[in-house]
Amino acid sequence: MRRALVATAFAFIAGPALAHPPPLGIPGFLGGLLHPAFVPAHLMAIAAFGILCGQHRVAWGIADLAAFAAGLAAGLGAIAVAYAPQWAGLALLVLALTSGVLAALAKPLPPFLGLALAAMTGMAVGLDSPPDTIKVDEANRMLAGTALGAVILFAVTRELSARLVQALARPWTRVGVRVLGSWIAASAALVLAMQLSR
C-alpha cells in the first residue's frame, strides 16, 4: 500500500516533457541566452566549429565570426516568421561531425570553406531554436537571447582554441585540441546514428 502511494505521488509531480530542455526554467531573454549551452546538438556544433576556427584564426581572420552571425540571424529570422524545418537538428549533428573531423585532422583549409561552414552552422543553430512560448514579445526576447548566447559561445570557444594552439608551440602538444575535435565528432556521429535509426 505504501509503495502504491509513493508511486502515485511521483506520477503527479512529473514535469512537462519539452523538445528542448528549458535552461533552468528561465523564460525570455535569459532563457534564450542560455539555450545554446543547454541543447547538446547546439553545443557540439558551436564548440566543434569554434575549435576549427581557432586553429585557422590567422588565415581566416574574423570573417568566420561575421559569417556565423549572419547565418544565425538568417536562421532566427526564418524562425520569427514561423518557418521551423524538421531537419535542422540533423543538420547541426552533421555540421558538428564535419567540423570535429576537420579539427581533428588539423589540415590547412581555404577561407571560403570556413565561411561556408560558419554560415551553415549559424543558420542551423538559428533554425533549430524555436522558442517554447506562444507570446510574441517573449518569443522575440528569447530569439534575441539565443542570438547573443550563440555568438558569445562561438567567440569564446574560438578564442580559447586559438590561444591554446598558439600557446602550444610544438606540433605534438597540439594533439589535445585535435582530440577534443575528434571527441565531438564521435559524439555527433553516435547521436546522428541513433537519430537516423529511428
C-alpha atoms as a PDB file:
ATOM      1  CA  MET A   1       0.000   0.000   0.000  1.00  0.00           C
ATOM      2  CA  ARG A   2       2.784   2.387   0.931  1.00  0.00           C
ATOM      3  CA  ARG A   3       4.630   1.735  -2.348  1.00  0.00           C
ATOM      4  CA  ALA A   4       1.466   2.419  -4.324  1.00  0.00           C
ATOM      5  CA  LEU A   5       1.046   5.778  -2.575  1.00  0.00           C
ATOM      6  CA  VAL A   6       4.660   6.736  -3.267  1.00  0.00           C
ATOM      7  CA  ALA A   7       4.316   5.714  -6.933  1.00  0.00           C
ATOM      8  CA  THR A   8       1.112   7.734  -7.247  1.00  0.00           C
ATOM      9  CA  ALA A   9       2.763  10.765  -5.645  1.00  0.00           C
ATOM     10  CA  PHE A  10       5.671  10.594  -8.105  1.00  0.00           C
ATOM     11  CA  ALA A  11       3.240  10.306 -11.017  1.00  0.00           C
ATOM     12  CA  PHE A  12       1.533  13.553 -10.012  1.00  0.00           C
ATOM     13  CA  ILE A  13       4.726  15.588  -9.575  1.00  0.00           C
ATOM     14  CA  ALA A  14       6.150  14.811 -13.029  1.00  0.00           C
ATOM     15  CA  GLY A  15       7.084  17.875 -15.064  1.00  0.00           C
ATOM     16  CA  PRO A  16       6.157  18.603 -18.667  1.00  0.00           C
ATOM     17  CA  ALA A  17       8.100  16.969 -21.494  1.00  0.00           C
ATOM     18  CA  LEU A  18       9.751  19.548 -23.755  1.00  0.00           C
ATOM     19  CA  ALA A  19      11.644  19.128 -27.007  1.00  0.00           C
ATOM     20  CA  HIS A  20      14.493  21.285 -25.707  1.00  0.00           C
ATOM     21  CA  PRO A  21      15.487  21.466 -22.065  1.00  0.00           C
ATOM     22  CA  PRO A  22      14.487  24.836 -20.651  1.00  0.00           C
ATOM     23  CA  PRO A  23      17.567  26.483 -19.175  1.00  0.00           C
ATOM     24  CA  LEU A  24      16.710  26.247 -15.507  1.00  0.00           C
ATOM     25  CA  GLY A  25      13.106  27.222 -16.293  1.00  0.00           C
ATOM     26  CA  ILE A  26      14.156  30.742 -17.266  1.00  0.00           C
ATOM     27  CA  PRO A  27      11.882  32.311 -19.893  1.00  0.00           C
ATOM     28  CA  GLY A  28      12.555  35.258 -22.162  1.00  0.00           C
ATOM     29  CA  PHE A  29      15.940  36.767 -22.945  1.00  0.00           C
ATOM     30  CA  LEU A  30      17.933  34.893 -20.289  1.00  0.00           C
ATOM     31  CA  GLY A  31      16.398  31.575 -21.339  1.00  0.00           C
ATOM     32  CA  GLY A  32      17.443  32.265 -24.921  1.00  0.00           C
ATOM     33  CA  LEU A  33      20.893  33.379 -23.797  1.00  0.00           C
ATOM     34  CA  LEU A  34      21.488  30.024 -22.090  1.00  0.00           C
ATOM     35  CA  HIS A  35      19.747  27.955 -24.793  1.00  0.00           C
ATOM     36  CA  PRO A  36      22.825  27.209 -26.979  1.00  0.00           C
ATOM     37  CA  ALA A  37      24.738  25.911 -23.952  1.00  0.00           C
ATOM     38  CA  PHE A  38      21.914  23.611 -22.792  1.00  0.00           C
ATOM     39  CA  VAL A  39      20.986  21.917 -26.088  1.00  0.00           C
ATOM     40  CA  PRO A  40      23.638  19.252 -26.784  1.00  0.00           C
ATOM     41  CA  ALA A  41      23.468  19.469 -30.598  1.00  0.00           C
ATOM     42  CA  HIS A  42      23.925  23.253 -30.471  1.00  0.00           C
ATOM     43  CA  LEU A  43      26.799  22.975 -28.032  1.00  0.00           C
ATOM     44  CA  MET A  44      28.554  20.283 -30.092  1.00  0.00           C
ATOM     45  CA  ALA A  45      28.196  22.165 -33.392  1.00  0.00           C
ATOM     46  CA  ILE A  46      29.282  25.532 -31.979  1.00  0.00           C
ATOM     47  CA  ALA A  47      32.177  24.052 -29.979  1.00  0.00           C
ATOM     48  CA  ALA A  48      33.489  21.938 -32.874  1.00  0.00           C
ATOM     49  CA  PHE A  49      33.331  24.859 -35.273  1.00  0.00           C
ATOM     50  CA  GLY A  50      34.881  27.176 -32.682  1.00  0.00           C
ATOM     51  CA  ILE A  51      37.806  24.779 -32.280  1.00  0.00           C
ATOM     52  CA  LEU A  52      38.224  24.584 -36.055  1.00  0.00           C
ATOM     53  CA  CYS A  53      38.165  28.385 -36.363  1.00  0.00           C
ATOM     54  CA  GLY A  54      40.656  28.734 -33.525  1.00  0.00           C
ATOM     55  CA  GLN A  55      43.065  26.528 -35.443  1.00  0.00           C
ATOM     56  CA  HIS A  56      42.670  28.735 -38.544  1.00  0.00           C
ATOM     57  CA  ARG A  57      42.329  32.168 -36.922  1.00  0.00           C
ATOM     58  CA  VAL A  58      45.453  33.571 -38.557  1.00  0.00           C
ATOM     59  CA  ALA A  59      44.360  32.533 -42.058  1.00  0.00           C
ATOM     60  CA  TRP A  60      40.632  33.253 -41.693  1.00  0.00           C
ATOM     61  CA  GLY A  61      40.696  36.418 -39.588  1.00  0.00           C
ATOM     62  CA  ILE A  62      37.337  37.421 -38.117  1.00  0.00           C
ATOM     63  CA  ALA A  63      35.307  36.775 -41.257  1.00  0.00           C
ATOM     64  CA  ASP A  64      34.183  33.439 -39.806  1.00  0.00           C
ATOM     65  CA  LEU A  65      32.606  35.224 -36.832  1.00  0.00           C
ATOM     66  CA  ALA A  66      30.731  37.592 -39.156  1.00  0.00           C
ATOM     67  CA  ALA A  67      29.543  34.711 -41.359  1.00  0.00           C
ATOM     68  CA  PHE A  68      28.379  32.755 -38.297  1.00  0.00           C
ATOM     69  CA  ALA A  69      26.444  35.773 -37.004  1.00  0.00           C
ATOM     70  CA  ALA A  70      24.891  36.388 -40.441  1.00  0.00           C
ATOM     71  CA  GLY A  71      23.825  32.752 -40.781  1.00  0.00           C
ATOM     72  CA  LEU A  72      22.452  32.796 -37.246  1.00  0.00           C
ATOM     73  CA  ALA A  73      20.461  35.970 -37.973  1.00  0.00           C
ATOM     74  CA  ALA A  74      19.039  34.394 -41.135  1.00  0.00           C
ATOM     75  CA  GLY A  75      18.025  31.229 -39.273  1.00  0.00           C
ATOM     76  CA  LEU A  76      16.452  33.123 -36.382  1.00  0.00           C
ATOM     77  CA  GLY A  77      14.690  35.407 -38.876  1.00  0.00           C
ATOM     78  CA  ALA A  78      13.178  32.353 -40.537  1.00  0.00           C
ATOM     79  CA  ILE A  79      12.028  31.098 -37.125  1.00  0.00           C
ATOM     80  CA  ALA A  80      10.495  34.520 -36.402  1.00  0.00           C
ATOM     81  CA  VAL A  81       8.282  34.180 -39.491  1.00  0.00           C
ATOM     82  CA  ALA A  82       7.214  30.676 -38.379  1.00  0.00           C
ATOM     83  CA  TYR A  83       9.474  28.527 -40.565  1.00  0.00           C
ATOM     84  CA  ALA A  84      10.682  25.602 -38.467  1.00  0.00           C
ATOM     85  CA  PRO A  85      12.186  22.754 -40.518  1.00  0.00           C
ATOM     86  CA  GLN A  86      12.359  19.272 -39.045  1.00  0.00           C
ATOM     87  CA  TRP A  87      15.842  18.643 -40.449  1.00  0.00           C
ATOM     88  CA  ALA A  88      17.663  21.418 -38.570  1.00  0.00           C
ATOM     89  CA  GLY A  89      18.660  19.140 -35.672  1.00  0.00           C
ATOM     90  CA  LEU A  90      20.147  16.574 -38.053  1.00  0.00           C
ATOM     91  CA  ALA A  91      21.954  19.330 -39.946  1.00  0.00           C
ATOM     92  CA  LEU A  92      23.522  20.501 -36.674  1.00  0.00           C
ATOM     93  CA  LEU A  93      24.796  17.000 -35.959  1.00  0.00           C
ATOM     94  CA  VAL A  94      26.230  16.656 -39.475  1.00  0.00           C
ATOM     95  CA  LEU A  95      27.933  20.049 -39.119  1.00  0.00           C
ATOM     96  CA  ALA A  96      29.302  19.093 -35.677  1.00  0.00           C
ATOM     97  CA  LEU A  97      30.646  15.860 -37.170  1.00  0.00           C
ATOM     98  CA  THR A  98      32.198  17.694 -40.132  1.00  0.00           C
ATOM     99  CA  SER A  99      33.790  20.442 -38.034  1.00  0.00           C
ATOM    100  CA  GLY A 100      35.019  17.920 -35.458  1.00  0.00           C
ATOM    101  CA  VAL A 101      36.667  15.747 -38.108  1.00  0.00           C
ATOM    102  CA  LEU A 102      38.278  18.775 -39.774  1.00  0.00           C
ATOM    103  CA  ALA A 103      39.541  19.990 -36.384  1.00  0.00           C
ATOM    104  CA  ALA A 104      40.937  16.532 -35.642  1.00  0.00           C
ATOM    105  CA  LEU A 105      42.731  16.433 -38.988  1.00  0.00           C
ATOM    106  CA  ALA A 106      44.232  19.911 -38.346  1.00  0.00           C
ATOM    107  CA  LYS A 107      44.992  20.496 -42.021  1.00  0.00           C
ATOM    108  CA  PRO A 108      45.023  23.993 -43.556  1.00  0.00           C
ATOM    109  CA  LEU A 109      41.646  24.832 -45.086  1.00  0.00           C
ATOM    110  CA  PRO A 110      40.749  27.593 -47.560  1.00  0.00           C
ATOM    111  CA  PRO A 111      38.877  30.594 -46.144  1.00  0.00           C
ATOM    112  CA  PHE A 112      35.815  30.045 -48.361  1.00  0.00           C
ATOM    113  CA  LEU A 113      35.263  26.646 -46.724  1.00  0.00           C
ATOM    114  CA  GLY A 114      35.441  28.250 -43.291  1.00  0.00           C
ATOM    115  CA  LEU A 115      32.945  30.929 -44.295  1.00  0.00           C
ATOM    116  CA  ALA A 116      30.561  28.347 -45.751  1.00  0.00           C
ATOM    117  CA  LEU A 117      30.748  26.205 -42.599  1.00  0.00           C
ATOM    118  CA  ALA A 118      30.261  29.322 -40.460  1.00  0.00           C
ATOM    119  CA  ALA A 119      27.136  30.408 -42.303  1.00  0.00           C
ATOM    120  CA  MET A 120      25.675  26.883 -42.345  1.00  0.00           C
ATOM    121  CA  THR A 121      26.387  26.306 -38.644  1.00  0.00           C
ATOM    122  CA  GLY A 122      24.877  29.654 -37.681  1.00  0.00           C
ATOM    123  CA  MET A 123      21.808  29.067 -39.826  1.00  0.00           C
ATOM    124  CA  ALA A 124      21.286  25.550 -38.463  1.00  0.00           C
ATOM    125  CA  VAL A 125      21.546  26.798 -34.862  1.00  0.00           C
ATOM    126  CA  GLY A 126      19.004  29.509 -35.654  1.00  0.00           C
ATOM    127  CA  LEU A 127      16.599  27.144 -37.402  1.00  0.00           C
ATOM    128  CA  ASP A 128      16.773  24.664 -34.521  1.00  0.00           C
ATOM    129  CA  SER A 129      15.926  27.289 -31.874  1.00  0.00           C
ATOM    130  CA  PRO A 130      12.150  27.778 -31.901  1.00  0.00           C
ATOM    131  CA  PRO A 131      11.001  29.422 -28.674  1.00  0.00           C
ATOM    132  CA  ASP A 132       8.843  27.364 -26.312  1.00  0.00           C
ATOM    133  CA  THR A 133       6.265  30.112 -25.892  1.00  0.00           C
ATOM    134  CA  ILE A 134       3.304  31.444 -27.833  1.00  0.00           C
ATOM    135  CA  LYS A 135       3.635  35.044 -26.639  1.00  0.00           C
ATOM    136  CA  VAL A 136       5.194  37.041 -29.453  1.00  0.00           C
ATOM    137  CA  ASP A 137       7.103  39.538 -27.297  1.00  0.00           C
ATOM    138  CA  GLU A 138       8.553  36.802 -25.085  1.00  0.00           C
ATOM    139  CA  ALA A 139       9.443  34.716 -28.168  1.00  0.00           C
ATOM    140  CA  ASN A 140      11.269  37.697 -29.701  1.00  0.00           C
ATOM    141  CA  ARG A 141      13.216  38.267 -26.489  1.00  0.00           C
ATOM    142  CA  MET A 142      14.103  34.573 -26.410  1.00  0.00           C
ATOM    143  CA  LEU A 143      15.327  34.691 -30.032  1.00  0.00           C
ATOM    144  CA  ALA A 144      17.449  37.775 -29.275  1.00  0.00           C
ATOM    145  CA  GLY A 145      18.931  35.978 -26.269  1.00  0.00           C
ATOM    146  CA  THR A 146      19.657  32.907 -28.386  1.00  0.00           C
ATOM    147  CA  ALA A 147      21.463  35.069 -30.946  1.00  0.00           C
ATOM    148  CA  LEU A 148      23.644  36.694 -28.312  1.00  0.00           C
ATOM    149  CA  GLY A 149      24.268  33.412 -26.464  1.00  0.00           C
ATOM    150  CA  ALA A 150      25.301  31.542 -29.612  1.00  0.00           C
ATOM    151  CA  VAL A 151      27.653  34.321 -30.752  1.00  0.00           C
ATOM    152  CA  ILE A 152      29.243  34.558 -27.301  1.00  0.00           C
ATOM    153  CA  LEU A 153      29.658  30.776 -27.066  1.00  0.00           C
ATOM    154  CA  PHE A 154      31.224  30.647 -30.526  1.00  0.00           C
ATOM    155  CA  ALA A 155      33.537  33.609 -29.889  1.00  0.00           C
ATOM    156  CA  VAL A 156      34.721  32.221 -26.543  1.00  0.00           C
ATOM    157  CA  THR A 157      35.327  28.722 -27.946  1.00  0.00           C
ATOM    158  CA  ARG A 158      37.139  30.183 -30.951  1.00  0.00           C
ATOM    159  CA  GLU A 159      39.338  32.414 -28.797  1.00  0.00           C
ATOM    160  CA  LEU A 160      40.199  29.669 -26.289  1.00  0.00           C
ATOM    161  CA  SER A 161      41.109  27.299 -29.097  1.00  0.00           C
ATOM    162  CA  ALA A 162      43.263  29.935 -30.818  1.00  0.00           C
ATOM    163  CA  ARG A 163      45.107  30.775 -27.611  1.00  0.00           C
ATOM    164  CA  LEU A 164      45.660  27.115 -26.823  1.00  0.00           C
ATOM    165  CA  VAL A 165      47.012  26.416 -30.309  1.00  0.00           C
ATOM    166  CA  GLN A 166      49.254  29.497 -30.084  1.00  0.00           C
ATOM    167  CA  ALA A 167      50.496  28.639 -26.578  1.00  0.00           C
ATOM    168  CA  LEU A 168      51.389  25.087 -27.553  1.00  0.00           C
ATOM    169  CA  ALA A 169      54.381  25.764 -29.769  1.00  0.00           C
ATOM    170  CA  ARG A 170      55.380  22.200 -30.602  1.00  0.00           C
ATOM    171  CA  PRO A 171      53.205  20.302 -33.078  1.00  0.00           C
ATOM    172  CA  TRP A 172      52.868  17.231 -30.850  1.00  0.00           C
ATOM    173  CA  THR A 173      51.494  19.344 -27.979  1.00  0.00           C
ATOM    174  CA  ARG A 174      48.543  20.437 -30.117  1.00  0.00           C
ATOM    175  CA  VAL A 175      47.166  16.919 -30.025  1.00  0.00           C
ATOM    176  CA  GLY A 176      44.834  17.852 -27.153  1.00  0.00           C
ATOM    177  CA  VAL A 177      42.910  20.284 -29.356  1.00  0.00           C
ATOM    178  CA  ARG A 178      42.689  17.666 -32.090  1.00  0.00           C
ATOM    179  CA  VAL A 179      41.495  15.038 -29.601  1.00  0.00           C
ATOM    180  CA  LEU A 180      38.750  17.372 -28.407  1.00  0.00           C
ATOM    181  CA  GLY A 181      37.613  17.824 -32.011  1.00  0.00           C
ATOM    182  CA  SER A 182      37.594  14.063 -32.527  1.00  0.00           C
ATOM    183  CA  TRP A 183      35.554  13.511 -29.345  1.00  0.00           C
ATOM    184  CA  ILE A 184      32.942  15.979 -30.514  1.00  0.00           C
ATOM    185  CA  ALA A 185      32.893  14.287 -33.929  1.00  0.00           C
ATOM    186  CA  ALA A 186      32.468  10.860 -32.328  1.00  0.00           C
ATOM    187  CA  SER A 187      29.673  12.113 -30.062  1.00  0.00           C
ATOM    188  CA  ALA A 188      27.897  13.726 -33.001  1.00  0.00           C
ATOM    189  CA  ALA A 189      28.260  10.519 -35.032  1.00  0.00           C
ATOM    190  CA  LEU A 190      26.716   8.452 -32.238  1.00  0.00           C
ATOM    191  CA  VAL A 191      23.773  10.806 -31.772  1.00  0.00           C
ATOM    192  CA  LEU A 192      23.295  11.039 -35.539  1.00  0.00           C
ATOM    193  CA  ALA A 193      23.281   7.238 -35.846  1.00  0.00           C
ATOM    194  CA  MET A 194      20.656   6.987 -33.094  1.00  0.00           C
ATOM    195  CA  GLN A 195      18.514   9.673 -34.751  1.00  0.00           C
ATOM    196  CA  LEU A 196      18.686   8.008 -38.166  1.00  0.00           C
ATOM    197  CA  SER A 197      17.982   4.521 -36.813  1.00  0.00           C
ATOM    198  CA  ARG A 198      14.523   5.513 -35.581  1.00  0.00           C
END
